[in-house]
Amino acid sequence: MRQKFITIQYLRGFAAMLVLASHALLYPLVEDNLSFGRLGWLGVILFFVISGFIMVAVTGEGRFSAPAFLRRRFIRIVPMYWGATLLAAALALVAPQMFKTTVYDTGQLLLSLLFVPFYNPVSHGIHPLYKLGWTLNYEVFFYFCFALLAFLGAQSRVFWLTAAFTALAVLGALLQPEPAIAQFYTSFMPLAFCAGAWLGLATLQGRLSGLSAGAVCVALILGLAGLVEGFVFGEGLVEDAFAFIGLVAFASSLVLLAVRFERRLPRVALLEHIGDASYSIYLVHIYEVAVLSGLVFKLLDPTNLWADYLVAAVSIIGGTVAGLLLYRFVEQPLLRFCNAALGRRTEVAPAPAE
């Protein structure tokens, strides 16, 4: 299945906007805000569900080439992420005031570039030097696990992927490991990929496009209930396990409804373009938020709630524009170069596989 789901592109853009809005709202605050933090977390969960869906949908029902799959994944995410990480490292050296939780460290830089999870004493969490990269560590983990199952058919592949990630999550809950690598890979977060993978399998089998009105209503109700539960449950902890269940339900319902109504929803060029540029928006927005907030809050009072909202609104627009420009002038040329260098045909517009 090589079709490009326009509605999924809309959701990719929406996920990027959630993360951008979360950071724009949180940046001037001294203490974390649960609702603002959950907003960005929902964006990440939606990205993971979409990723699981896309990987299953585009690899099809049969076996696939693991090396070719990993090569495409490398081209798609690694050069851009390495660039963002190296830029963060350089700025942490020359302009550390731009960052709240980023300090240059050569060892951390090397581990970050290799996608090795580690405990970051500055951010007080398992974060790479470029903090946003923690999501890419999970993406790379998912890609490798998915590639290991390339010899199976789609249904078996999704089943064993879900069984493996569930077993890891159970072990993590029971053992509560302290080492960063063990703690990271026994998290419940990879289960979001599984939710999307099952939706991708249902799409391959033609079951989503023909859902009845009753089933659509049930999905909508469950999704909205999950959204409420995800923002209410677990006061004081952003990444709460029970809240995760609700937010995964909401993200999954969005993907389900998007696929179900793919042929009936209008094609909006701007939303599609934002979806195409979602990776660039994700990687670059924190720089724009930091620069804009740093400049504006020299004139405005960061303790003024209305000033915070005004700066956040401008940051969301600015971060989107910055991401669109990065996509046009950096990501697309870089994709062309990498595809040409590795002897593959050029695919600039990101199909679901990208």
Protein backbone atom coordinates (compact mmCIF):
# COMPACT_ATOMS: atom_id res chain seq x y z
CA MET A 1 0.00 0.00 0.00
CA ARG A 2 1.75 3.14 -1.22
CA GLN A 3 -1.08 5.64 -1.13
CA LYS A 4 -0.54 8.83 0.80
CA PHE A 5 -3.25 9.31 3.42
CA ILE A 6 -3.95 13.04 3.36
CA THR A 7 -5.87 12.88 6.62
CA ILE A 8 -2.91 11.20 8.31
CA GLN A 9 -0.76 14.10 7.11
CA TYR A 10 -3.26 16.44 8.79
CA LEU A 11 -2.82 14.50 12.02
CA ARG A 12 0.97 14.66 11.75
CA GLY A 13 0.69 18.41 11.52
CA PHE A 14 -1.72 18.45 14.46
CA ALA A 15 0.70 16.39 16.55
CA ALA A 16 3.52 18.81 15.77
CA MET A 17 1.28 21.74 16.73
CA LEU A 18 0.48 20.12 20.07
CA VAL A 19 4.17 19.74 20.92
CA LEU A 20 4.91 23.26 19.72
CA ALA A 21 2.04 24.75 21.74
CA SER A 22 3.11 22.84 24.83
CA HIS A 23 6.67 24.17 24.72
CA ALA A 24 5.55 27.68 23.84
CA LEU A 25 3.27 27.72 26.91
CA LEU A 26 5.81 26.07 29.23
CA TYR A 27 8.92 28.02 28.26
CA PRO A 28 8.41 31.16 30.42
CA LEU A 29 7.20 29.18 33.44
CA VAL A 30 9.47 28.44 36.39
CA GLU A 31 7.53 25.31 37.35
CA ASP A 32 5.94 22.69 35.13
CA ASN A 33 2.25 22.86 34.34
CA LEU A 34 0.48 19.49 34.16
CA SER A 35 -2.02 20.46 31.46
CA PHE A 36 0.56 22.16 29.26
CA GLY A 37 2.90 19.19 29.68
CA ARG A 38 0.17 16.70 28.80
CA LEU A 39 -0.58 18.71 25.67
CA GLY A 40 2.90 18.00 24.31
CA TRP A 41 2.81 14.43 25.56
CA LEU A 42 -0.41 13.87 23.63
CA GLY A 43 1.36 15.14 20.52
CA VAL A 44 4.16 12.61 21.01
CA ILE A 45 1.69 9.77 21.62
CA LEU A 46 -0.18 10.72 18.45
CA PHE A 47 3.12 10.70 16.53
CA PHE A 48 3.82 7.18 17.84
CA VAL A 49 0.36 5.87 16.94
CA ILE A 50 0.72 7.36 13.45
CA SER A 51 4.17 5.82 13.08
CA GLY A 52 2.90 2.37 14.02
CA PHE A 53 0.02 2.75 11.56
CA ILE A 54 2.24 3.94 8.70
CA MET A 55 4.90 1.26 9.07
CA VAL A 56 2.36 -1.54 8.89
CA ALA A 57 0.33 0.07 6.11
CA VAL A 58 3.27 0.66 3.77
CA THR A 59 5.16 -2.60 4.31
CA GLY A 60 2.08 -4.55 3.29
CA GLU A 61 0.77 -7.95 4.29
CA GLY A 62 3.78 -10.03 3.31
CA ARG A 63 7.47 -10.04 4.11
CA PHE A 64 9.72 -7.08 3.38
CA SER A 65 13.42 -6.31 3.13
CA ALA A 66 14.72 -5.31 6.56
CA PRO A 67 17.92 -3.65 5.24
CA ALA A 68 15.98 -1.57 2.71
CA PHE A 69 13.46 -0.61 5.38
CA LEU A 70 16.16 0.50 7.82
CA ARG A 71 17.99 2.40 5.09
CA ARG A 72 14.84 4.39 4.30
CA ARG A 73 14.30 5.03 8.00
CA PHE A 74 17.91 6.20 8.40
CA ILE A 75 17.61 8.64 5.51
CA ARG A 76 14.31 9.95 6.78
CA ILE A 77 15.18 10.75 10.39
CA VAL A 78 18.88 10.49 11.22
CA PRO A 79 20.58 13.28 9.21
CA MET A 80 18.04 15.89 10.33
CA TYR A 81 18.23 14.74 13.95
CA TRP A 82 22.02 14.72 13.95
CA GLY A 83 21.96 18.27 12.57
CA ALA A 84 19.57 19.43 15.31
CA THR A 85 21.67 17.71 17.98
CA LEU A 86 24.95 19.19 16.77
CA LEU A 87 23.35 22.62 16.59
CA ALA A 88 22.10 22.24 20.16
CA ALA A 89 25.57 21.20 21.31
CA ALA A 90 27.19 24.17 19.59
CA LEU A 91 24.68 26.65 21.00
CA ALA A 92 25.02 25.14 24.48
CA LEU A 93 28.69 26.07 24.26
CA VAL A 94 28.37 29.62 22.91
CA ALA A 95 24.89 30.69 24.11
CA PRO A 96 23.89 28.53 27.10
CA GLN A 97 21.34 31.13 28.22
CA MET A 98 19.08 29.99 25.37
CA PHE A 99 18.39 26.68 27.12
CA LYS A 100 16.67 25.72 30.34
CA THR A 101 17.89 22.12 30.61
CA THR A 102 20.65 21.71 28.03
CA VAL A 103 24.35 21.77 28.96
CA TYR A 104 27.16 20.70 26.63
CA ASP A 105 28.82 17.38 27.44
CA THR A 106 30.92 15.44 24.92
CA GLY A 107 29.93 12.04 26.31
CA GLN A 108 26.25 12.94 26.20
CA LEU A 109 26.67 14.20 22.64
CA LEU A 110 28.13 10.89 21.46
CA LEU A 111 25.44 8.84 23.21
CA SER A 112 22.76 11.11 21.75
CA LEU A 113 24.06 10.70 18.19
CA LEU A 114 24.07 6.92 18.69
CA PHE A 115 20.50 6.88 20.08
CA VAL A 116 21.67 5.39 23.39
CA PRO A 117 19.39 6.39 26.30
CA PHE A 118 21.08 7.83 29.39
CA TYR A 119 20.11 9.69 32.54
CA ASN A 120 20.60 13.42 32.08
CA PRO A 121 21.34 15.04 35.47
CA VAL A 122 20.47 18.51 34.15
CA SER A 123 16.98 17.68 32.85
CA HIS A 124 16.49 15.05 35.60
CA GLY A 125 15.26 12.47 33.14
CA ILE A 126 16.32 10.01 30.46
CA HIS A 127 16.91 12.61 27.77
CA PRO A 128 19.60 13.05 25.10
CA LEU A 129 21.60 16.25 24.85
CA TYR A 130 18.94 17.65 22.51
CA LYS A 131 16.07 16.91 24.84
CA LEU A 132 13.43 16.47 22.14
CA GLY A 133 15.41 13.50 20.85
CA TRP A 134 13.99 11.13 23.48
CA THR A 135 11.09 10.49 21.11
CA LEU A 136 13.55 9.61 18.32
CA ASN A 137 15.20 7.07 20.63
CA TYR A 138 11.83 5.33 20.87
CA GLU A 139 11.24 5.64 17.11
CA VAL A 140 14.60 4.01 16.34
CA PHE A 141 13.87 1.24 18.85
CA PHE A 142 10.51 0.62 17.18
CA TYR A 143 12.07 0.56 13.70
CA PHE A 144 14.69 -2.02 14.70
CA CYS A 145 12.12 -4.24 16.41
CA PHE A 146 9.81 -3.95 13.41
CA ALA A 147 12.66 -4.81 11.03
CA LEU A 148 13.52 -7.90 13.09
CA LEU A 149 10.03 -9.20 12.26
CA ALA A 150 10.35 -8.56 8.52
CA PHE A 151 10.28 -12.32 7.80
CA LEU A 152 6.70 -12.59 9.09
CA GLY A 153 3.39 -11.65 7.53
CA ALA A 154 1.69 -8.48 8.69
CA GLN A 155 -0.71 -10.08 11.16
CA SER A 156 2.00 -12.18 12.84
CA ARG A 157 4.34 -9.21 12.81
CA VAL A 158 1.87 -6.98 14.65
CA PHE A 159 0.99 -9.73 17.11
CA TRP A 160 4.58 -10.48 18.10
CA LEU A 161 5.51 -6.81 18.23
CA THR A 162 2.62 -6.20 20.63
CA ALA A 163 3.50 -9.26 22.69
CA ALA A 164 7.14 -8.16 23.00
CA PHE A 165 6.38 -4.54 23.92
CA THR A 166 3.70 -5.66 26.39
CA ALA A 167 6.12 -8.09 28.04
CA LEU A 168 8.73 -5.34 28.36
CA ALA A 169 6.18 -2.96 29.87
CA VAL A 170 5.06 -5.59 32.39
CA LEU A 171 8.68 -6.29 33.35
CA GLY A 172 9.25 -2.58 33.80
CA ALA A 173 6.20 -2.20 36.02
CA LEU A 174 7.17 -5.21 38.16
CA LEU A 175 10.93 -4.72 38.43
CA GLN A 176 11.18 -0.92 38.30
CA PRO A 177 14.74 -1.05 36.90
CA GLU A 178 17.08 1.80 37.77
CA PRO A 179 19.64 1.70 34.89
CA ALA A 180 18.63 4.19 32.22
CA ILE A 181 18.67 1.76 29.28
CA ALA A 182 16.59 -0.88 31.08
CA GLN A 183 14.20 1.74 32.40
CA PHE A 184 13.77 3.34 28.98
CA TYR A 185 13.08 0.16 27.04
CA THR A 186 10.69 -1.30 29.62
CA SER A 187 8.47 1.77 29.51
CA PHE A 188 4.83 1.62 28.45
CA MET A 189 5.44 4.28 25.76
CA PRO A 190 6.21 1.83 22.89
CA LEU A 191 2.70 0.40 23.27
CA ALA A 192 1.47 3.49 21.39
CA PHE A 193 3.23 2.12 18.30
CA CYS A 194 1.31 -1.13 18.76
CA ALA A 195 -2.03 0.69 18.85
CA GLY A 196 -1.21 2.28 15.52
CA ALA A 197 0.09 -1.00 14.14
CA TRP A 198 -3.24 -2.73 14.76
CA LEU A 199 -5.02 0.14 12.98
CA GLY A 200 -2.58 -0.26 10.09
CA LEU A 201 -3.35 -3.96 9.94
CA ALA A 202 -7.09 -3.26 9.92
CA THR A 203 -6.52 -0.83 7.06
CA LEU A 204 -4.60 -3.44 5.07
CA GLN A 205 -7.48 -5.84 5.56
CA GLY A 206 -10.02 -3.22 4.45
CA ARG A 207 -11.86 -3.13 7.75
CA LEU A 208 -11.55 0.56 8.61
CA SER A 209 -12.90 2.03 5.38
CA GLY A 210 -16.18 0.16 5.82
CA LEU A 211 -16.88 0.85 9.49
CA SER A 212 -20.54 1.35 10.30
CA ALA A 213 -21.94 4.58 11.70
CA GLY A 214 -22.40 2.84 15.05
CA ALA A 215 -18.77 1.78 15.21
CA VAL A 216 -17.68 5.30 14.29
CA CYS A 217 -19.80 6.71 17.12
CA VAL A 218 -18.31 4.25 19.60
CA ALA A 219 -14.78 5.18 18.50
CA LEU A 220 -15.61 8.87 18.87
CA ILE A 221 -17.09 8.43 22.35
CA LEU A 222 -14.19 6.29 23.56
CA GLY A 223 -11.72 8.75 22.13
CA LEU A 224 -13.31 11.74 23.83
CA ALA A 225 -13.57 9.84 27.11
CA GLY A 226 -9.89 8.96 26.79
CA LEU A 227 -9.01 12.61 26.19
CA VAL A 228 -10.80 13.69 29.35
CA GLU A 229 -9.25 10.88 31.39
CA GLY A 230 -5.82 11.63 29.96
CA PHE A 231 -5.88 15.22 31.14
CA VAL A 232 -7.50 14.58 34.51
CA PHE A 233 -5.83 11.44 35.83
CA GLY A 234 -2.49 11.40 37.63
CA GLU A 235 -2.26 14.86 39.11
CA GLY A 236 1.33 16.06 39.38
CA LEU A 237 2.89 13.56 36.95
CA VAL A 238 2.84 14.28 33.21
CA GLU A 239 3.76 10.78 32.00
CA ASP A 240 1.26 8.83 34.07
CA ALA A 241 0.51 5.25 33.02
CA PHE A 242 -3.27 5.50 33.40
CA ALA A 243 -3.37 8.85 31.65
CA PHE A 244 -1.37 7.21 28.87
CA ILE A 245 -4.19 4.72 28.28
CA GLY A 246 -6.67 7.54 27.80
CA LEU A 247 -4.44 9.54 25.47
CA VAL A 248 -3.63 6.46 23.39
CA ALA A 249 -7.37 5.82 23.06
CA PHE A 250 -7.89 9.39 21.87
CA ALA A 251 -4.95 9.29 19.43
CA SER A 252 -6.10 5.92 18.07
CA SER A 253 -9.63 7.19 17.55
CA LEU A 254 -8.24 10.15 15.58
CA VAL A 255 -6.29 7.82 13.29
CA LEU A 256 -9.27 5.48 12.91
CA LEU A 257 -11.62 8.33 12.02
CA ALA A 258 -9.06 9.89 9.69
CA VAL A 259 -8.75 6.67 7.68
CA ARG A 260 -12.49 6.06 7.76
CA PHE A 261 -13.26 9.50 6.29
CA GLU A 262 -10.19 9.83 4.06
CA ARG A 263 -12.25 10.00 0.88
CA ARG A 264 -14.88 12.35 2.26
CA LEU A 265 -12.82 15.08 3.87
CA PRO A 266 -11.66 18.02 1.73
CA ARG A 267 -8.04 18.38 0.70
CA VAL A 268 -6.61 21.48 2.38
CA ALA A 269 -3.22 22.35 0.92
CA LEU A 270 -1.97 24.30 3.95
CA LEU A 271 -2.80 21.52 6.41
CA GLU A 272 -1.22 18.95 4.13
CA HIS A 273 1.92 21.04 3.81
CA ILE A 274 2.17 21.47 7.59
CA GLY A 275 1.85 17.70 7.89
CA ASP A 276 4.62 17.19 5.33
CA ALA A 277 6.82 19.55 7.35
CA SER A 278 5.88 18.12 10.74
CA TYR A 279 9.31 16.58 11.37
CA SER A 280 11.06 19.86 10.61
CA ILE A 281 8.58 21.72 12.80
CA TYR A 282 9.22 19.27 15.63
CA LEU A 283 13.00 19.61 15.39
CA VAL A 284 13.29 23.38 14.95
CA HIS A 285 10.47 24.83 17.03
CA ILE A 286 12.27 24.86 20.37
CA TYR A 287 14.95 27.18 18.95
CA GLU A 288 12.31 29.60 17.72
CA VAL A 289 10.46 29.46 21.03
CA ALA A 290 13.67 30.09 22.98
CA VAL A 291 14.80 33.00 20.82
CA LEU A 292 11.41 34.70 20.62
CA SER A 293 10.64 34.26 24.32
CA GLY A 294 14.11 35.43 25.29
CA LEU A 295 13.69 38.63 23.29
CA VAL A 296 10.08 39.43 24.12
CA PHE A 297 10.31 38.76 27.84
CA LYS A 298 12.98 41.40 28.09
CA LEU A 299 10.14 43.82 27.42
CA LEU A 300 7.17 41.97 28.91
CA ASP A 301 6.66 40.50 32.38
CA PRO A 302 6.85 36.67 32.21
CA THR A 303 4.65 36.47 35.33
CA ASN A 304 1.83 38.15 33.40
CA LEU A 305 -0.46 35.35 32.21
CA TRP A 306 -1.78 37.31 29.24
CA ALA A 307 1.74 38.14 28.12
CA ASP A 308 2.58 34.44 28.30
CA TYR A 309 -0.41 33.54 26.13
CA LEU A 310 0.42 36.29 23.62
CA VAL A 311 4.02 35.15 23.28
CA ALA A 312 2.88 31.52 23.04
CA ALA A 313 0.47 32.37 20.21
CA VAL A 314 3.18 34.22 18.30
CA SER A 315 5.62 31.36 18.99
CA ILE A 316 3.20 28.81 17.54
CA ILE A 317 2.95 30.82 14.33
CA GLY A 318 6.69 31.47 14.26
CA GLY A 319 7.57 27.85 14.99
CA THR A 320 5.31 26.67 12.17
CA VAL A 321 6.83 29.12 9.70
CA ALA A 322 10.35 28.15 10.80
CA GLY A 323 9.51 24.48 10.30
CA LEU A 324 8.04 25.10 6.84
CA LEU A 325 11.18 26.99 5.83
CA LEU A 326 13.44 24.28 7.22
CA TYR A 327 11.45 21.66 5.33
CA ARG A 328 11.68 23.59 2.07
CA PHE A 329 15.32 24.63 2.20
CA VAL A 330 16.99 21.93 4.30
CA GLU A 331 14.95 18.75 4.74
CA GLN A 332 13.87 18.33 1.11
CA PRO A 333 17.35 18.97 -0.37
CA LEU A 334 18.89 16.73 2.27
CA LEU A 335 16.47 13.92 1.41
CA ARG A 336 17.33 14.30 -2.27
CA PHE A 337 21.05 14.19 -1.52
CA CYS A 338 20.83 11.16 0.78
CA ASN A 339 18.62 9.22 -1.62
CA ALA A 340 21.00 9.96 -4.48
CA ALA A 341 24.06 9.09 -2.40
CA LEU A 342 22.61 5.74 -1.43
CA GLY A 343 21.48 4.96 -4.96
CA ARG A 344 17.77 5.14 -4.26
CA ARG A 345 15.12 6.97 -6.24
CA THR A 346 14.30 10.41 -4.88
CA GLU A 347 11.09 10.81 -2.93
CA VAL A 348 10.85 14.39 -1.71
CA ALA A 349 7.19 14.52 -0.79
CA PRO A 350 6.83 12.36 2.31
CA ALA A 351 4.58 9.42 1.56
CA PRO A 352 3.30 7.57 4.61
CA ALA A 353 6.45 5.44 4.60
CA GLU A 354 8.49 8.54 5.23
